[in-house]
């Protein structure tokens, strides 16, 4: 890659990177191709896609039930109503006081739009 120019704000924090046009086109083409391949593969592998922030929180050890619930913009009460799982039980799962067993995960998963396996630790 050619030389990149970094533009900073008044505090010295980087805000823009200026790259030569040929490098930009190469990066854009690679990104477009990656997105196209992901879009083609996703329906065939049966997986649910979610933002990188969700993945980072899961990797960091946050309760999957909490991560997916917050990603869907739901309260614990809304999840309880949609899934039929007691609000207190959901709270305990999210605080990792209890684990989401297979039966409960199967009830929570459709309400969260994920697979039951995604909720079990």
PDB file of N, CA and C in Angstrom:
ATOM      1  N   UNK A   1       0.844  -1.167   0.000  1.00  0.00           N
ATOM      2  CA  UNK A   1       0.000   0.000   0.000  1.00  0.00           C
ATOM      3  C   UNK A   1       0.895   1.237   0.000  1.00  0.00           C
ATOM      4  N   UNK A   2       0.414   2.271  -0.643  1.00  0.00           N
ATOM      5  CA  UNK A   2       1.147   3.534  -0.719  1.00  0.00           C
ATOM      6  C   UNK A   2       1.065   4.268   0.614  1.00  0.00           C
ATOM      7  N   UNK A   3       1.745   5.389   0.676  1.00  0.00           N
ATOM      8  CA  UNK A   3       1.755   6.188   1.901  1.00  0.00           C
ATOM      9  C   UNK A   3       0.354   6.710   2.225  1.00  0.00           C
ATOM     10  N   UNK A   4      -0.035   6.592   3.482  1.00  0.00           N
ATOM     11  CA  UNK A   4      -1.333   7.043   3.963  1.00  0.00           C
ATOM     12  C   UNK A   4      -1.127   8.306   4.787  1.00  0.00           C
ATOM     13  N   UNK A   5      -1.994   9.308   4.578  1.00  0.00           N
ATOM     14  CA  UNK A   5      -1.933  10.547   5.349  1.00  0.00           C
ATOM     15  C   UNK A   5      -3.024  10.495   6.408  1.00  0.00           C
ATOM     16  N   UNK A   6      -2.666  10.748   7.665  1.00  0.00           N
ATOM     17  CA  UNK A   6      -3.615  10.738   8.771  1.00  0.00           C
ATOM     18  C   UNK A   6      -3.937  12.176   9.152  1.00  0.00           C
ATOM     19  N   UNK A   7      -5.224  12.516   9.178  1.00  0.00           N
ATOM     20  CA  UNK A   7      -5.678  13.840   9.594  1.00  0.00           C
ATOM     21  C   UNK A   7      -6.236  13.721  11.011  1.00  0.00           C
ATOM     22  N   UNK A   8      -5.839  14.653  11.873  1.00  0.00           N
ATOM     23  CA  UNK A   8      -6.246  14.589  13.276  1.00  0.00           C
ATOM     24  C   UNK A   8      -7.087  15.799  13.646  1.00  0.00           C
ATOM     25  N   UNK A   9      -7.803  15.673  14.773  1.00  0.00           N
ATOM     26  CA  UNK A   9      -8.562  16.814  15.285  1.00  0.00           C
ATOM     27  C   UNK A   9      -7.639  17.678  16.142  1.00  0.00           C
ATOM     28  N   UNK A  10      -8.188  18.666  16.810  1.00  0.00           N
ATOM     29  CA  UNK A  10      -7.385  19.604  17.611  1.00  0.00           C
ATOM     30  C   UNK A  10      -6.678  18.925  18.772  1.00  0.00           C
ATOM     31  N   UNK A  11      -7.205  17.795  19.216  1.00  0.00           N
ATOM     32  CA  UNK A  11      -6.597  17.068  20.335  1.00  0.00           C
ATOM     33  C   UNK A  11      -5.592  16.019  19.865  1.00  0.00           C
ATOM     34  N   UNK A  12      -5.402  15.925  18.561  1.00  0.00           N
ATOM     35  CA  UNK A  12      -4.443  14.955  18.022  1.00  0.00           C
ATOM     36  C   UNK A  12      -5.027  13.575  17.779  1.00  0.00           C
ATOM     37  N   UNK A  13      -6.339  13.451  17.933  1.00  0.00           N
ATOM     38  CA  UNK A  13      -7.001  12.168  17.709  1.00  0.00           C
ATOM     39  C   UNK A  13      -7.233  11.984  16.208  1.00  0.00           C
ATOM     40  N   UNK A  14      -6.844  10.834  15.645  1.00  0.00           N
ATOM     41  CA  UNK A  14      -7.070  10.605  14.213  1.00  0.00           C
ATOM     42  C   UNK A  14      -8.557  10.625  13.869  1.00  0.00           C
ATOM     43  N   UNK A  15      -8.918  11.349  12.798  1.00  0.00           N
ATOM     44  CA  UNK A  15     -10.304  11.417  12.366  1.00  0.00           C
ATOM     45  C   UNK A  15     -10.488  10.983  10.915  1.00  0.00           C
ATOM     46  N   UNK A  16      -9.450  11.095  10.095  1.00  0.00           N
ATOM     47  CA  UNK A  16      -9.519  10.678   8.700  1.00  0.00           C
ATOM     48  C   UNK A  16      -8.191  10.064   8.280  1.00  0.00           C
ATOM     49  N   UNK A  17      -8.274   9.145   7.344  1.00  0.00           N
ATOM     50  CA  UNK A  17      -7.077   8.598   6.701  1.00  0.00           C
ATOM     51  C   UNK A  17      -7.229   8.855   5.205  1.00  0.00           C
ATOM     52  N   UNK A  18      -6.248   9.493   4.623  1.00  0.00           N
ATOM     53  CA  UNK A  18      -6.267   9.789   3.195  1.00  0.00           C
ATOM     54  C   UNK A  18      -5.347   8.784   2.516  1.00  0.00           C
ATOM     55  N   UNK A  19      -5.922   8.034   1.577  1.00  0.00           N
ATOM     56  CA  UNK A  19      -5.145   7.021   0.853  1.00  0.00           C
ATOM     57  C   UNK A  19      -5.191   7.330  -0.643  1.00  0.00           C
ATOM     58  N   UNK A  20      -4.162   6.937  -1.376  1.00  0.00           N
ATOM     59  CA  UNK A  20      -4.200   7.120  -2.825  1.00  0.00           C
ATOM     60  C   UNK A  20      -5.412   6.403  -3.426  1.00  0.00           C
ATOM     61  N   UNK A  21      -5.964   6.960  -4.494  1.00  0.00           N
ATOM     62  CA  UNK A  21      -7.173   6.446  -5.113  1.00  0.00           C
ATOM     63  C   UNK A  21      -7.055   4.972  -5.490  1.00  0.00           C
ATOM     64  N   UNK A  22      -5.943   4.567  -6.059  1.00  0.00           N
ATOM     65  CA  UNK A  22      -5.788   3.164  -6.475  1.00  0.00           C
ATOM     66  C   UNK A  22      -5.881   2.222  -5.270  1.00  0.00           C
ATOM     67  N   UNK A  23      -5.346   2.643  -4.132  1.00  0.00           N
ATOM     68  CA  UNK A  23      -5.440   1.826  -2.923  1.00  0.00           C
ATOM     69  C   UNK A  23      -6.870   1.777  -2.408  1.00  0.00           C
ATOM     70  N   UNK A  24      -7.555   2.921  -2.459  1.00  0.00           N
ATOM     71  CA  UNK A  24      -8.959   2.973  -2.046  1.00  0.00           C
ATOM     72  C   UNK A  24      -9.803   2.028  -2.898  1.00  0.00           C
ATOM     73  N   UNK A  25      -9.637   2.072  -4.214  1.00  0.00           N
ATOM     74  CA  UNK A  25     -10.408   1.202  -5.107  1.00  0.00           C
ATOM     75  C   UNK A  25     -10.141  -0.271  -4.812  1.00  0.00           C
ATOM     76  N   UNK A  26      -8.892  -0.605  -4.532  1.00  0.00           N
ATOM     77  CA  UNK A  26      -8.541  -1.998  -4.217  1.00  0.00           C
ATOM     78  C   UNK A  26      -9.216  -2.428  -2.905  1.00  0.00           C
ATOM     79  N   UNK A  27      -9.191  -1.560  -1.893  1.00  0.00           N
ATOM     80  CA  UNK A  27      -9.821  -1.889  -0.610  1.00  0.00           C
ATOM     81  C   UNK A  27     -11.333  -2.009  -0.759  1.00  0.00           C
ATOM     82  N   UNK A  28     -11.931  -1.089  -1.514  1.00  0.00           N
ATOM     83  CA  UNK A  28     -13.379  -1.116  -1.721  1.00  0.00           C
ATOM     84  C   UNK A  28     -13.802  -2.376  -2.457  1.00  0.00           C
ATOM     85  N   UNK A  29     -13.057  -2.757  -3.494  1.00  0.00           N
ATOM     86  CA  UNK A  29     -13.384  -3.967  -4.247  1.00  0.00           C
ATOM     87  C   UNK A  29     -13.307  -5.196  -3.348  1.00  0.00           C
ATOM     88  N   UNK A  30     -12.291  -5.257  -2.499  1.00  0.00           N
ATOM     89  CA  UNK A  30     -12.151  -6.397  -1.582  1.00  0.00           C
ATOM     90  C   UNK A  30     -13.304  -6.426  -0.595  1.00  0.00           C
ATOM     91  N   UNK A  31     -13.690  -5.265  -0.081  1.00  0.00           N
ATOM     92  CA  UNK A  31     -14.792  -5.185   0.870  1.00  0.00           C
ATOM     93  C   UNK A  31     -16.116  -5.581   0.209  1.00  0.00           C
ATOM     94  N   UNK A  32     -16.357  -5.079  -0.995  1.00  0.00           N
ATOM     95  CA  UNK A  32     -17.590  -5.414  -1.720  1.00  0.00           C
ATOM     96  C   UNK A  32     -17.663  -6.914  -1.993  1.00  0.00           C
ATOM     97  N   UNK A  33     -16.537  -7.491  -2.376  1.00  0.00           N
ATOM     98  CA  UNK A  33     -16.505  -8.933  -2.662  1.00  0.00           C
ATOM     99  C   UNK A  33     -16.775  -9.734  -1.392  1.00  0.00           C
ATOM    100  N   UNK A  34     -16.185  -9.317  -0.273  1.00  0.00           N
ATOM    101  CA  UNK A  34     -16.430 -10.007   0.998  1.00  0.00           C
ATOM    102  C   UNK A  34     -17.913  -9.957   1.351  1.00  0.00           C
ATOM    103  N   UNK A  35     -18.526  -8.783   1.238  1.00  0.00           N
ATOM    104  CA  UNK A  35     -19.945  -8.634   1.566  1.00  0.00           C
ATOM    105  C   UNK A  35     -20.817  -9.477   0.635  1.00  0.00           C
ATOM    106  N   UNK A  36     -20.458  -9.525  -0.635  1.00  0.00           N
ATOM    107  CA  UNK A  36     -21.223 -10.321  -1.589  1.00  0.00           C
ATOM    108  C   UNK A  36     -21.149 -11.805  -1.228  1.00  0.00           C
ATOM    109  N   UNK A  37     -19.954 -12.280  -0.889  1.00  0.00           N
ATOM    110  CA  UNK A  37     -19.785 -13.691  -0.530  1.00  0.00           C
ATOM    111  C   UNK A  37     -20.530 -14.032   0.760  1.00  0.00           C
ATOM    112  N   UNK A  38     -20.471 -13.131   1.728  1.00  0.00           N
ATOM    113  CA  UNK A  38     -21.187 -13.351   2.987  1.00  0.00           C
ATOM    114  C   UNK A  38     -22.687 -13.410   2.736  1.00  0.00           C
ATOM    115  N   UNK A  39     -23.195 -12.504   1.910  1.00  0.00           N
ATOM    116  CA  UNK A  39     -24.627 -12.486   1.592  1.00  0.00           C
ATOM    117  C   UNK A  39     -25.058 -13.766   0.892  1.00  0.00           C
ATOM    118  N   UNK A  40     -24.201 -14.293   0.021  1.00  0.00           N
ATOM    119  CA  UNK A  40     -24.527 -15.538  -0.674  1.00  0.00           C
ATOM    120  C   UNK A  40     -24.496 -16.737   0.265  1.00  0.00           C
ATOM    121  N   UNK A  41     -23.548 -16.756   1.194  1.00  0.00           N
ATOM    122  CA  UNK A  41     -23.357 -17.918   2.059  1.00  0.00           C
ATOM    123  C   UNK A  41     -24.320 -17.955   3.236  1.00  0.00           C
ATOM    124  N   UNK A  42     -24.679 -16.822   3.786  1.00  0.00           N
ATOM    125  CA  UNK A  42     -25.452 -16.781   5.026  1.00  0.00           C
ATOM    126  C   UNK A  42     -26.733 -17.608   5.002  1.00  0.00           C
ATOM    127  N   UNK A  43     -27.584 -17.495   3.978  1.00  0.00           N
ATOM    128  CA  UNK A  43     -28.823 -18.273   4.011  1.00  0.00           C
ATOM    129  C   UNK A  43     -28.586 -19.782   3.938  1.00  0.00           C
ATOM    130  N   UNK A  44     -27.461 -20.191   3.399  1.00  0.00           N
ATOM    131  CA  UNK A  44     -27.200 -21.610   3.202  1.00  0.00           C
ATOM    132  C   UNK A  44     -26.560 -22.274   4.407  1.00  0.00           C
ATOM    133  N   UNK A  45     -26.013 -21.503   5.294  1.00  0.00           N
ATOM    134  CA  UNK A  45     -25.362 -22.113   6.450  1.00  0.00           C
ATOM    135  C   UNK A  45     -26.260 -22.104   7.676  1.00  0.00           C
ATOM    136  N   UNK A  46     -27.435 -21.476   7.554  1.00  0.00           N
ATOM    137  CA  UNK A  46     -28.402 -21.508   8.644  1.00  0.00           C
ATOM    138  C   UNK A  46     -27.998 -20.718   9.861  1.00  0.00           C
ATOM    139  N   UNK A  47     -27.118 -19.746   9.702  1.00  0.00           N
ATOM    140  CA  UNK A  47     -26.664 -18.967  10.837  1.00  0.00           C
ATOM    141  C   UNK A  47     -27.345 -17.607  10.860  1.00  0.00           C
ATOM    142  N   UNK A  48     -27.420 -17.055  12.048  1.00  0.00           N
ATOM    143  CA  UNK A  48     -27.973 -15.731  12.229  1.00  0.00           C
ATOM    144  C   UNK A  48     -26.812 -14.750  12.207  1.00  0.00           C
ATOM    145  N   UNK A  49     -26.929 -13.708  11.415  1.00  0.00           N
ATOM    146  CA  UNK A  49     -25.890 -12.699  11.400  1.00  0.00           C
ATOM    147  C   UNK A  49     -26.190 -11.613  12.420  1.00  0.00           C
ATOM    148  N   UNK A  50     -25.134 -11.045  13.001  1.00  0.00           N
ATOM    149  CA  UNK A  50     -25.322  -9.951  13.944  1.00  0.00           C
ATOM    150  C   UNK A  50     -24.101  -9.047  13.905  1.00  0.00           C
ATOM    151  N   UNK A  51     -24.223  -7.825  14.413  1.00  0.00           N
ATOM    152  CA  UNK A  51     -23.133  -6.851  14.348  1.00  0.00           C
ATOM    153  C   UNK A  51     -21.896  -7.287  15.136  1.00  0.00           C
ATOM    154  N   UNK A  52     -20.771  -6.699  14.754  1.00  0.00           N
ATOM    155  CA  UNK A  52     -19.499  -7.015  15.412  1.00  0.00           C
ATOM    156  C   UNK A  52     -19.547  -6.694  16.899  1.00  0.00           C
ATOM    157  N   UNK A  53     -20.270  -5.651  17.289  1.00  0.00           N
ATOM    158  CA  UNK A  53     -20.363  -5.291  18.706  1.00  0.00           C
ATOM    159  C   UNK A  53     -20.983  -6.425  19.515  1.00  0.00           C
ATOM    160  N   UNK A  54     -21.961  -7.091  18.941  1.00  0.00           N
ATOM    161  CA  UNK A  54     -22.593  -8.233  19.613  1.00  0.00           C
ATOM    162  C   UNK A  54     -21.553  -9.340  19.802  1.00  0.00           C
ATOM    163  N   UNK A  55     -20.794  -9.620  18.765  1.00  0.00           N
ATOM    164  CA  UNK A  55     -19.753 -10.651  18.856  1.00  0.00           C
ATOM    165  C   UNK A  55     -18.715 -10.289  19.915  1.00  0.00           C
ATOM    166  N   UNK A  56     -18.300  -9.024  19.945  1.00  0.00           N
ATOM    167  CA  UNK A  56     -17.298  -8.598  20.938  1.00  0.00           C
ATOM    168  C   UNK A  56     -17.817  -8.798  22.359  1.00  0.00           C
ATOM    169  N   UNK A  57     -19.079  -8.468  22.597  1.00  0.00           N
ATOM    170  CA  UNK A  57     -19.645  -8.634  23.938  1.00  0.00           C
ATOM    171  C   UNK A  57     -19.737 -10.103  24.326  1.00  0.00           C
ATOM    172  N   UNK A  58     -20.096 -10.942  23.367  1.00  0.00           N
ATOM    173  CA  UNK A  58     -20.156 -12.382  23.641  1.00  0.00           C
ATOM    174  C   UNK A  58     -18.768 -12.918  23.975  1.00  0.00           C
ATOM    175  N   UNK A  59     -17.776 -12.509  23.195  1.00  0.00           N
ATOM    176  CA  UNK A  59     -16.399 -12.946  23.436  1.00  0.00           C
ATOM    177  C   UNK A  59     -15.911 -12.455  24.795  1.00  0.00           C
ATOM    178  N   UNK A  60     -16.351 -11.259  25.198  1.00  0.00           N
ATOM    179  CA  UNK A  60     -15.943 -10.684  26.483  1.00  0.00           C
ATOM    180  C   UNK A  60     -16.591 -11.402  27.666  1.00  0.00           C
ATOM    181  N   UNK A  61     -17.557 -12.283  27.392  1.00  0.00           N
ATOM    182  CA  UNK A  61     -18.161 -13.068  28.463  1.00  0.00           C
ATOM    183  C   UNK A  61     -19.486 -12.560  28.985  1.00  0.00           C
ATOM    184  N   UNK A  62     -20.072 -11.560  28.318  1.00  0.00           N
ATOM    185  CA  UNK A  62     -21.393 -11.084  28.727  1.00  0.00           C
ATOM    186  C   UNK A  62     -22.408 -12.191  28.407  1.00  0.00           C
ATOM    187  N   UNK A  63     -23.395 -12.336  29.244  1.00  0.00           N
ATOM    188  CA  UNK A  63     -24.424 -13.354  29.056  1.00  0.00           C
ATOM    189  C   UNK A  63     -25.043 -13.250  27.661  1.00  0.00           C
ATOM    190  N   UNK A  64     -25.077 -14.353  26.901  1.00  0.00           N
ATOM    191  CA  UNK A  64     -25.686 -14.309  25.571  1.00  0.00           C
ATOM    192  C   UNK A  64     -27.138 -13.821  25.606  1.00  0.00           C
ATOM    193  N   UNK A  65     -27.891 -14.225  26.607  1.00  0.00           N
ATOM    194  CA  UNK A  65     -29.289 -13.792  26.695  1.00  0.00           C
ATOM    195  C   UNK A  65     -29.363 -12.268  26.807  1.00  0.00           C
ATOM    196  N   UNK A  66     -28.496 -11.687  27.615  1.00  0.00           N
ATOM    197  CA  UNK A  66     -28.491 -10.235  27.786  1.00  0.00           C
ATOM    198  C   UNK A  66     -28.042  -9.538  26.510  1.00  0.00           C
ATOM    199  N   UNK A  67     -26.975 -10.051  25.893  1.00  0.00           N
ATOM    200  CA  UNK A  67     -26.449  -9.432  24.669  1.00  0.00           C
ATOM    201  C   UNK A  67     -27.506  -9.433  23.576  1.00  0.00           C
ATOM    202  N   UNK A  68     -28.135 -10.577  23.327  1.00  0.00           N
ATOM    203  CA  UNK A  68     -29.136 -10.664  22.266  1.00  0.00           C
ATOM    204  C   UNK A  68     -30.396  -9.864  22.601  1.00  0.00           C
ATOM    205  N   UNK A  69     -30.790  -9.864  23.874  1.00  0.00           N
ATOM    206  CA  UNK A  69     -31.974  -9.093  24.276  1.00  0.00           C
ATOM    207  C   UNK A  69     -31.746  -7.599  24.049  1.00  0.00           C
ATOM    208  N   UNK A  70     -30.596  -7.117  24.475  1.00  0.00           N
ATOM    209  CA  UNK A  70     -30.304  -5.692  24.301  1.00  0.00           C
ATOM    210  C   UNK A  70     -30.135  -5.343  22.825  1.00  0.00           C
ATOM    211  N   UNK A  71     -29.535  -6.256  22.053  1.00  0.00           N
ATOM    212  CA  UNK A  71     -29.387  -6.025  20.618  1.00  0.00           C
ATOM    213  C   UNK A  71     -30.757  -5.886  19.956  1.00  0.00           C
ATOM    214  N   UNK A  72     -31.728  -6.658  20.419  1.00  0.00           N
ATOM    215  CA  UNK A  72     -33.082  -6.590  19.871  1.00  0.00           C
ATOM    216  C   UNK A  72     -33.892  -5.436  20.453  1.00  0.00           C
ATOM    217  N   UNK A  73     -33.310  -4.708  21.417  1.00  0.00           N
ATOM    218  CA  UNK A  73     -33.994  -3.550  21.990  1.00  0.00           C
ATOM    219  C   UNK A  73     -35.152  -3.926  22.888  1.00  0.00           C
ATOM    220  N   UNK A  74     -35.035  -5.056  23.563  1.00  0.00           N
ATOM    221  CA  UNK A  74     -36.116  -5.536  24.422  1.00  0.00           C
ATOM    222  C   UNK A  74     -35.763  -5.365  25.895  1.00  0.00           C
ATOM    223  N   UNK A  75     -36.788  -5.215  26.710  1.00  0.00           N
ATOM    224  CA  UNK A  75     -36.594  -5.250  28.159  1.00  0.00           C
ATOM    225  C   UNK A  75     -36.709  -6.712  28.599  1.00  0.00           C
ATOM    226  N   UNK A  76     -36.311  -6.965  29.830  1.00  0.00           N
ATOM    227  CA  UNK A  76     -36.473  -8.323  30.361  1.00  0.00           C
ATOM    228  C   UNK A  76     -37.955  -8.689  30.413  1.00  0.00           C
ATOM    229  N   UNK A  77     -38.796  -7.732  30.745  1.00  0.00           N
ATOM    230  CA  UNK A  77     -40.239  -8.000  30.821  1.00  0.00           C
ATOM    231  C   UNK A  77     -40.795  -8.352  29.441  1.00  0.00           C
ATOM    232  N   UNK A  78     -40.368  -7.639  28.406  1.00  0.00           N
ATOM    233  CA  UNK A  78     -40.828  -7.937  27.052  1.00  0.00           C
ATOM    234  C   UNK A  78     -40.386  -9.339  26.631  1.00  0.00           C
ATOM    235  N   UNK A  79     -39.148  -9.691  26.955  1.00  0.00           N
ATOM    236  CA  UNK A  79     -38.660 -11.032  26.630  1.00  0.00           C
ATOM    237  C   UNK A  79     -39.450 -12.084  27.398  1.00  0.00           C
ATOM    238  N   UNK A  80     -39.747 -11.789  28.637  1.00  0.00           N
ATOM    239  CA  UNK A  80     -40.536 -12.710  29.457  1.00  0.00           C
ATOM    240  C   UNK A  80     -41.912 -12.942  28.833  1.00  0.00           C
ATOM    241  N   UNK A  81     -42.553 -11.866  28.421  1.00  0.00           N
ATOM    242  CA  UNK A  81     -43.881 -11.963  27.819  1.00  0.00           C
ATOM    243  C   UNK A  81     -43.841 -12.757  26.518  1.00  0.00           C
ATOM    244  N   UNK A  82     -42.855 -12.482  25.676  1.00  0.00           N
ATOM    245  CA  UNK A  82     -42.755 -13.164  24.381  1.00  0.00           C
ATOM    246  C   UNK A  82     -42.372 -14.632  24.506  1.00  0.00           C
ATOM    247  N   UNK A  83     -41.578 -14.963  25.514  1.00  0.00           N
ATOM    248  CA  UNK A  83     -41.056 -16.327  25.621  1.00  0.00           C
ATOM    249  C   UNK A  83     -41.814 -17.203  26.613  1.00  0.00           C
ATOM    250  N   UNK A  84     -42.517 -16.573  27.560  1.00  0.00           N
ATOM    251  CA  UNK A  84     -43.185 -17.347  28.602  1.00  0.00           C
ATOM    252  C   UNK A  84     -42.248 -17.777  29.711  1.00  0.00           C
ATOM    253  N   UNK A  85     -41.033 -17.233  29.717  1.00  0.00           N
ATOM    254  CA  UNK A  85     -40.060 -17.528  30.779  1.00  0.00           C
ATOM    255  C   UNK A  85     -40.165 -16.408  31.809  1.00  0.00           C
ATOM    256  N   UNK A  86     -40.185 -16.769  33.078  1.00  0.00           N
ATOM    257  CA  UNK A  86     -40.346 -15.782  34.144  1.00  0.00           C
ATOM    258  C   UNK A  86     -39.259 -14.712  34.085  1.00  0.00           C
ATOM    259  N   UNK A  87     -39.676 -13.482  34.333  1.00  0.00           N
ATOM    260  CA  UNK A  87     -38.765 -12.341  34.332  1.00  0.00           C
ATOM    261  C   UNK A  87     -37.586 -12.570  35.287  1.00  0.00           C
ATOM    262  N   UNK A  88     -37.861 -13.116  36.468  1.00  0.00           N
ATOM    263  CA  UNK A  88     -36.821 -13.368  37.464  1.00  0.00           C
ATOM    264  C   UNK A  88     -35.795 -14.376  36.939  1.00  0.00           C
ATOM    265  N   UNK A  89     -36.279 -15.383  36.225  1.00  0.00           N
ATOM    266  CA  UNK A  89     -35.396 -16.410  35.663  1.00  0.00           C
ATOM    267  C   UNK A  89     -34.482 -15.776  34.618  1.00  0.00           C
ATOM    268  N   UNK A  90     -35.042 -14.906  33.777  1.00  0.00           N
ATOM    269  CA  UNK A  90     -34.246 -14.220  32.761  1.00  0.00           C
ATOM    270  C   UNK A  90     -33.172 -13.378  33.436  1.00  0.00           C
ATOM    271  N   UNK A  91     -33.536 -12.681  34.497  1.00  0.00           N
ATOM    272  CA  UNK A  91     -32.582 -11.860  35.238  1.00  0.00           C
ATOM    273  C   UNK A  91     -31.437 -12.717  35.779  1.00  0.00           C
ATOM    274  N   UNK A  92     -31.771 -13.875  36.320  1.00  0.00           N
ATOM    275  CA  UNK A  92     -30.742 -14.768  36.869  1.00  0.00           C
ATOM    276  C   UNK A  92     -29.823 -15.306  35.769  1.00  0.00           C
ATOM    277  N   UNK A  93     -30.389 -15.604  34.616  1.00  0.00           N
ATOM    278  CA  UNK A  93     -29.574 -16.075  33.482  1.00  0.00           C
ATOM    279  C   UNK A  93     -28.624 -14.962  33.052  1.00  0.00           C
ATOM    280  N   UNK A  94     -29.141 -13.751  32.939  1.00  0.00           N
ATOM    281  CA  UNK A  94     -28.315 -12.630  32.490  1.00  0.00           C
ATOM    282  C   UNK A  94     -27.214 -12.288  33.488  1.00  0.00           C
ATOM    283  N   UNK A  95     -27.462 -12.499  34.769  1.00  0.00           N
ATOM    284  CA  UNK A  95     -26.439 -12.247  35.792  1.00  0.00           C
ATOM    285  C   UNK A  95     -25.544 -13.459  36.001  1.00  0.00           C
ATOM    286  N   UNK A  96     -25.818 -14.517  35.263  1.00  0.00           N
ATOM    287  CA  UNK A  96     -25.069 -15.771  35.319  1.00  0.00           C
ATOM    288  C   UNK A  96     -25.167 -16.462  36.681  1.00  0.00           C
ATOM    289  N   UNK A  97     -26.306 -16.238  37.352  1.00  0.00           N
ATOM    290  CA  UNK A  97     -26.612 -16.945  38.585  1.00  0.00           C
ATOM    291  C   UNK A  97     -27.122 -18.347  38.221  1.00  0.00           C
ATOM    292  N   UNK A  98     -27.833 -18.413  37.083  1.00  0.00           N
ATOM    293  CA  UNK A  98     -28.339 -19.682  36.544  1.00  0.00           C
ATOM    294  C   UNK A  98     -27.929 -19.781  35.086  1.00  0.00           C
ATOM    295  N   UNK A  99     -27.869 -20.994  34.581  1.00  0.00           N
ATOM    296  CA  UNK A  99     -27.612 -21.225  33.160  1.00  0.00           C
ATOM    297  C   UNK A  99     -28.937 -21.423  32.435  1.00  0.00           C
ATOM    298  N   UNK A 100     -28.941 -21.030  31.183  1.00  0.00           N
ATOM    299  CA  UNK A 100     -30.111 -21.305  30.345  1.00  0.00           C
ATOM    300  C   UNK A 100     -29.985 -22.737  29.856  1.00  0.00           C
ATOM    301  N   UNK A 101     -30.765 -23.627  30.409  1.00  0.00           N
ATOM    302  CA  UNK A 101     -30.756 -25.011  29.953  1.00  0.00           C
ATOM    303  C   UNK A 101     -31.414 -25.118  28.588  1.00  0.00           C
ATOM    304  N   UNK A 102     -31.379 -26.299  28.020  1.00  0.00           N
ATOM    305  CA  UNK A 102     -31.908 -26.519  26.673  1.00  0.00           C
ATOM    306  C   UNK A 102     -33.385 -26.121  26.552  1.00  0.00           C
ATOM    307  N   UNK A 103     -34.201 -26.492  27.537  1.00  0.00           N
ATOM    308  CA  UNK A 103     -35.632 -26.204  27.476  1.00  0.00           C
ATOM    309  C   UNK A 103     -35.897 -24.704  27.488  1.00  0.00           C
ATOM    310  N   UNK A 104     -35.235 -23.985  28.391  1.00  0.00           N
ATOM    311  CA  UNK A 104     -35.439 -22.531  28.483  1.00  0.00           C
ATOM    312  C   UNK A 104     -34.852 -21.841  27.259  1.00  0.00           C
ATOM    313  N   UNK A 105     -33.693 -22.283  26.814  1.00  0.00           N
ATOM    314  CA  UNK A 105     -33.066 -21.693  25.622  1.00  0.00           C
ATOM    315  C   UNK A 105     -33.977 -21.837  24.410  1.00  0.00           C
ATOM    316  N   UNK A 106     -34.673 -22.971  24.308  1.00  0.00           N
ATOM    317  CA  UNK A 106     -35.596 -23.180  23.183  1.00  0.00           C
ATOM    318  C   UNK A 106     -36.798 -22.244  23.260  1.00  0.00           C
ATOM    319  N   UNK A 107     -37.144 -21.804  24.455  1.00  0.00           N
ATOM    320  CA  UNK A 107     -38.256 -20.860  24.600  1.00  0.00           C
ATOM    321  C   UNK A 107     -37.800 -19.426  24.351  1.00  0.00           C
ATOM    322  N   UNK A 108     -36.572 -19.097  24.747  1.00  0.00           N
ATOM    323  CA  UNK A 108     -36.058 -17.743  24.569  1.00  0.00           C
ATOM    324  C   UNK A 108     -35.625 -17.470  23.127  1.00  0.00           C
ATOM    325  N   UNK A 109     -35.060 -18.479  22.477  1.00  0.00           N
ATOM    326  CA  UNK A 109     -34.458 -18.296  21.152  1.00  0.00           C
ATOM    327  C   UNK A 109     -35.391 -17.671  20.112  1.00  0.00           C
ATOM    328  N   UNK A 110     -36.612 -18.180  19.925  1.00  0.00           N
ATOM    329  CA  UNK A 110     -37.475 -17.565  18.908  1.00  0.00           C
ATOM    330  C   UNK A 110     -37.798 -16.099  19.204  1.00  0.00           C
ATOM    331  N   UNK A 111     -37.951 -15.773  20.481  1.00  0.00           N
ATOM    332  CA  UNK A 111     -38.256 -14.395  20.856  1.00  0.00           C
ATOM    333  C   UNK A 111     -37.075 -13.473  20.556  1.00  0.00           C
ATOM    334  N   UNK A 112     -35.862 -14.023  20.604  1.00  0.00           N
ATOM    335  CA  UNK A 112     -34.660 -13.234  20.348  1.00  0.00           C
ATOM    336  C   UNK A 112     -34.174 -13.349  18.905  1.00  0.00           C
ATOM    337  N   UNK A 113     -34.763 -14.258  18.147  1.00  0.00           N
ATOM    338  CA  UNK A 113     -34.363 -14.427  16.750  1.00  0.00           C
ATOM    339  C   UNK A 113     -33.002 -15.069  16.582  1.00  0.00           C
ATOM    340  N   UNK A 114     -32.661 -15.979  17.498  1.00  0.00           N
ATOM    341  CA  UNK A 114     -31.386 -16.699  17.422  1.00  0.00           C
ATOM    342  C   UNK A 114     -31.651 -18.189  17.603  1.00  0.00           C
ATOM    343  N   UNK A 115     -30.619 -18.994  17.474  1.00  0.00           N
ATOM    344  CA  UNK A 115     -30.734 -20.433  17.723  1.00  0.00           C
ATOM    345  C   UNK A 115     -30.582 -20.694  19.219  1.00  0.00           C
ATOM    346  N   UNK A 116     -31.235 -21.716  19.713  1.00  0.00           N
ATOM    347  CA  UNK A 116     -31.159 -22.049  21.146  1.00  0.00           C
ATOM    348  C   UNK A 116     -29.712 -22.282  21.574  1.00  0.00           C
ATOM    349  N   UNK A 117     -28.904 -22.880  20.715  1.00  0.00           N
ATOM    350  CA  UNK A 117     -27.494 -23.147  21.040  1.00  0.00           C
ATOM    351  C   UNK A 117     -26.728 -21.857  21.301  1.00  0.00           C
ATOM    352  N   UNK A 118     -27.159 -20.764  20.680  1.00  0.00           N
ATOM    353  CA  UNK A 118     -26.489 -19.472  20.867  1.00  0.00           C
ATOM    354  C   UNK A 118     -26.658 -18.940  22.287  1.00  0.00           C
ATOM    355  N   UNK A 119     -27.660 -19.446  22.995  1.00  0.00           N
ATOM    356  CA  UNK A 119     -27.951 -18.947  24.351  1.00  0.00           C
ATOM    357  C   UNK A 119     -27.346 -19.801  25.447  1.00  0.00           C
ATOM    358  N   UNK A 120     -26.888 -20.992  25.101  1.00  0.00           N
ATOM    359  CA  UNK A 120     -26.351 -21.894  26.121  1.00  0.00           C
ATOM    360  C   UNK A 120     -24.847 -21.733  26.209  1.00  0.00           C
ATOM    361  N   UNK A 121     -24.366 -21.585  27.456  1.00  0.00           N
ATOM    362  CA  UNK A 121     -22.926 -21.401  27.665  1.00  0.00           C
ATOM    363  C   UNK A 121     -22.287 -22.717  28.031  1.00  0.00           C
TER     364      UNK A 121
END
